[in-house]
Amino acid sequence: MDTLKIVHVGCVLLSGAGFVLRSIWMWRGSPWLQARLTRVLPHVVDSLLLISAILLAVRIQQYPLIHDWLTVKVAALVLYIVLGTIALKRGRTRQQRIMAALAAMAVFAYIVAVAITRTPLPVPFPAG
């Protein structure tokens, strides 16, 4: 695996793990959620993740709106960001924030599955 892909996959792991950790802190009402590092570090990781994603797309010459798997991955990313914002900042009630966090985690898993399989429907549906 080349360096760019290692950086990208590493950032994916850090971003996902960081979101789960921040969600747990939100559920528990932890003051760690308001710490400066907790507010800054995710932006650094996600910026590196986005830059590496763009560079990888250019390298493999596959682009959103041209390749369906990448198009749904980008659309799912937008949904993940919206749900994450509701979960960690904008949800009006604790229950709304928890539901948004769980939905964001499901969308994150979908994005990873699409990236691995390079197909918009990574889970086969049973015939019948």
Protein backbone atom coordinates (compact mmCIF):
# COMPACT_ATOMS: atom_id res chain seq x y z
CA MET A 1 0.00 0.00 0.00
CA ASP A 2 1.42 3.37 -0.94
CA THR A 3 1.87 6.31 1.44
CA LEU A 4 -1.12 8.31 0.17
CA LYS A 5 -3.50 5.41 0.69
CA ILE A 6 -2.02 4.73 4.15
CA VAL A 7 -2.61 8.37 5.10
CA HIS A 8 -6.17 8.20 3.77
CA VAL A 9 -7.07 4.95 5.54
CA GLY A 10 -5.39 6.17 8.73
CA CYS A 11 -7.44 9.36 8.64
CA VAL A 12 -10.61 7.33 8.04
CA LEU A 13 -9.86 5.27 11.15
CA LEU A 14 -9.01 8.35 13.23
CA SER A 15 -12.07 10.23 12.02
CA GLY A 16 -14.46 7.36 12.73
CA ALA A 17 -12.94 6.52 16.11
CA GLY A 18 -12.92 10.19 17.05
CA PHE A 19 -16.60 10.55 16.19
CA VAL A 20 -17.50 7.48 18.25
CA LEU A 21 -15.49 8.81 21.20
CA ARG A 22 -17.05 12.27 20.98
CA SER A 23 -20.51 10.65 20.73
CA ILE A 24 -19.86 8.67 23.91
CA TRP A 25 -18.75 11.87 25.64
CA MET A 26 -21.94 13.56 24.42
CA TRP A 27 -24.09 10.68 25.77
CA ARG A 28 -22.34 10.94 29.15
CA GLY A 29 -22.30 14.74 29.26
CA SER A 30 -18.51 14.77 29.56
CA PRO A 31 -16.65 18.08 29.74
CA TRP A 32 -14.04 16.52 27.40
CA LEU A 33 -16.42 17.30 24.55
CA GLN A 34 -15.76 21.02 25.04
CA ALA A 35 -11.96 20.75 25.32
CA ARG A 36 -10.01 22.80 22.77
CA LEU A 37 -8.18 19.76 21.35
CA THR A 38 -11.50 17.92 20.96
CA ARG A 39 -12.86 20.81 18.93
CA VAL A 40 -9.74 21.36 16.76
CA LEU A 41 -8.26 17.91 16.10
CA PRO A 42 -11.25 16.50 14.17
CA HIS A 43 -11.00 19.38 11.69
CA VAL A 44 -7.31 18.67 11.12
CA VAL A 45 -7.93 14.94 10.62
CA ASP A 46 -10.93 15.52 8.35
CA SER A 47 -9.02 18.07 6.27
CA LEU A 48 -6.20 15.56 5.72
CA LEU A 49 -8.83 12.94 4.93
CA LEU A 50 -10.46 15.16 2.29
CA ILE A 51 -7.14 16.17 0.72
CA SER A 52 -5.99 12.56 0.51
CA ALA A 53 -9.37 11.52 -0.95
CA ILE A 54 -9.12 14.13 -3.70
CA LEU A 55 -5.55 13.12 -4.50
CA LEU A 56 -6.54 9.44 -4.63
CA ALA A 57 -9.49 10.19 -6.93
CA VAL A 58 -7.19 12.08 -9.28
CA ARG A 59 -4.63 9.28 -9.16
CA ILE A 60 -7.15 6.52 -10.03
CA GLN A 61 -8.94 8.85 -12.43
CA GLN A 62 -12.37 8.22 -10.94
CA TYR A 63 -14.53 11.20 -10.11
CA PRO A 64 -17.92 11.97 -8.52
CA LEU A 65 -20.76 12.46 -11.00
CA ILE A 66 -18.89 10.20 -13.44
CA HIS A 67 -18.43 7.04 -11.37
CA ASP A 68 -21.53 5.98 -9.44
CA TRP A 69 -19.74 4.51 -6.43
CA LEU A 70 -17.82 7.73 -5.84
CA THR A 71 -20.94 9.84 -6.36
CA VAL A 72 -22.88 7.97 -3.65
CA LYS A 73 -19.84 8.04 -1.39
CA VAL A 74 -19.70 11.85 -1.61
CA ALA A 75 -23.48 12.13 -1.11
CA ALA A 76 -23.25 9.83 1.91
CA LEU A 77 -20.38 11.96 3.24
CA VAL A 78 -22.62 15.05 3.14
CA LEU A 79 -25.33 13.11 5.02
CA TYR A 80 -22.71 11.93 7.56
CA ILE A 81 -21.58 15.52 8.16
CA VAL A 82 -25.18 16.73 8.65
CA LEU A 83 -25.98 13.88 11.04
CA GLY A 84 -22.70 14.41 12.91
CA THR A 85 -23.48 18.09 13.36
CA ILE A 86 -26.91 17.24 14.74
CA ALA A 87 -25.38 14.61 17.01
CA LEU A 88 -22.65 16.76 18.49
CA LYS A 89 -23.99 20.32 18.30
CA ARG A 90 -27.40 21.01 16.83
CA GLY A 91 -29.66 18.31 18.25
CA ARG A 92 -32.26 19.92 20.49
CA THR A 93 -32.69 16.96 22.81
CA ARG A 94 -30.36 14.25 24.05
CA GLN A 95 -32.53 11.67 22.29
CA GLN A 96 -32.23 13.54 18.96
CA ARG A 97 -28.45 13.70 19.38
CA ILE A 98 -28.20 10.00 20.20
CA MET A 99 -30.35 9.00 17.22
CA ALA A 100 -28.34 11.26 14.91
CA ALA A 101 -25.07 9.80 16.23
CA LEU A 102 -26.25 6.24 15.62
CA ALA A 103 -27.46 7.15 12.13
CA ALA A 104 -24.14 8.89 11.40
CA MET A 105 -22.25 5.76 12.47
CA ALA A 106 -24.38 3.65 10.12
CA VAL A 107 -23.70 6.08 7.25
CA PHE A 108 -19.97 5.99 8.07
CA ALA A 109 -20.02 2.18 7.85
CA TYR A 110 -21.81 2.45 4.49
CA ILE A 111 -19.17 4.88 3.18
CA VAL A 112 -16.39 2.48 4.18
CA ALA A 113 -18.21 -0.45 2.53
CA VAL A 114 -18.67 1.54 -0.69
CA ALA A 115 -14.98 2.51 -0.65
CA ILE A 116 -13.88 -1.09 -0.21
CA THR A 117 -16.21 -2.61 -2.82
CA ARG A 118 -16.40 0.35 -5.21
CA THR A 119 -20.08 -0.30 -5.70
CA PRO A 120 -23.04 1.82 -4.51
CA LEU A 121 -24.76 -1.25 -3.05
CA PRO A 122 -21.98 -3.05 -1.22
CA VAL A 123 -24.27 -5.50 0.58
CA PRO A 124 -25.93 -8.08 -1.63
CA PHE A 125 -29.66 -8.34 -1.21
CA PRO A 126 -31.13 -11.85 -1.12
CA ALA A 127 -33.11 -12.85 -4.18
CA GLY A 128 -36.70 -13.66 -3.68
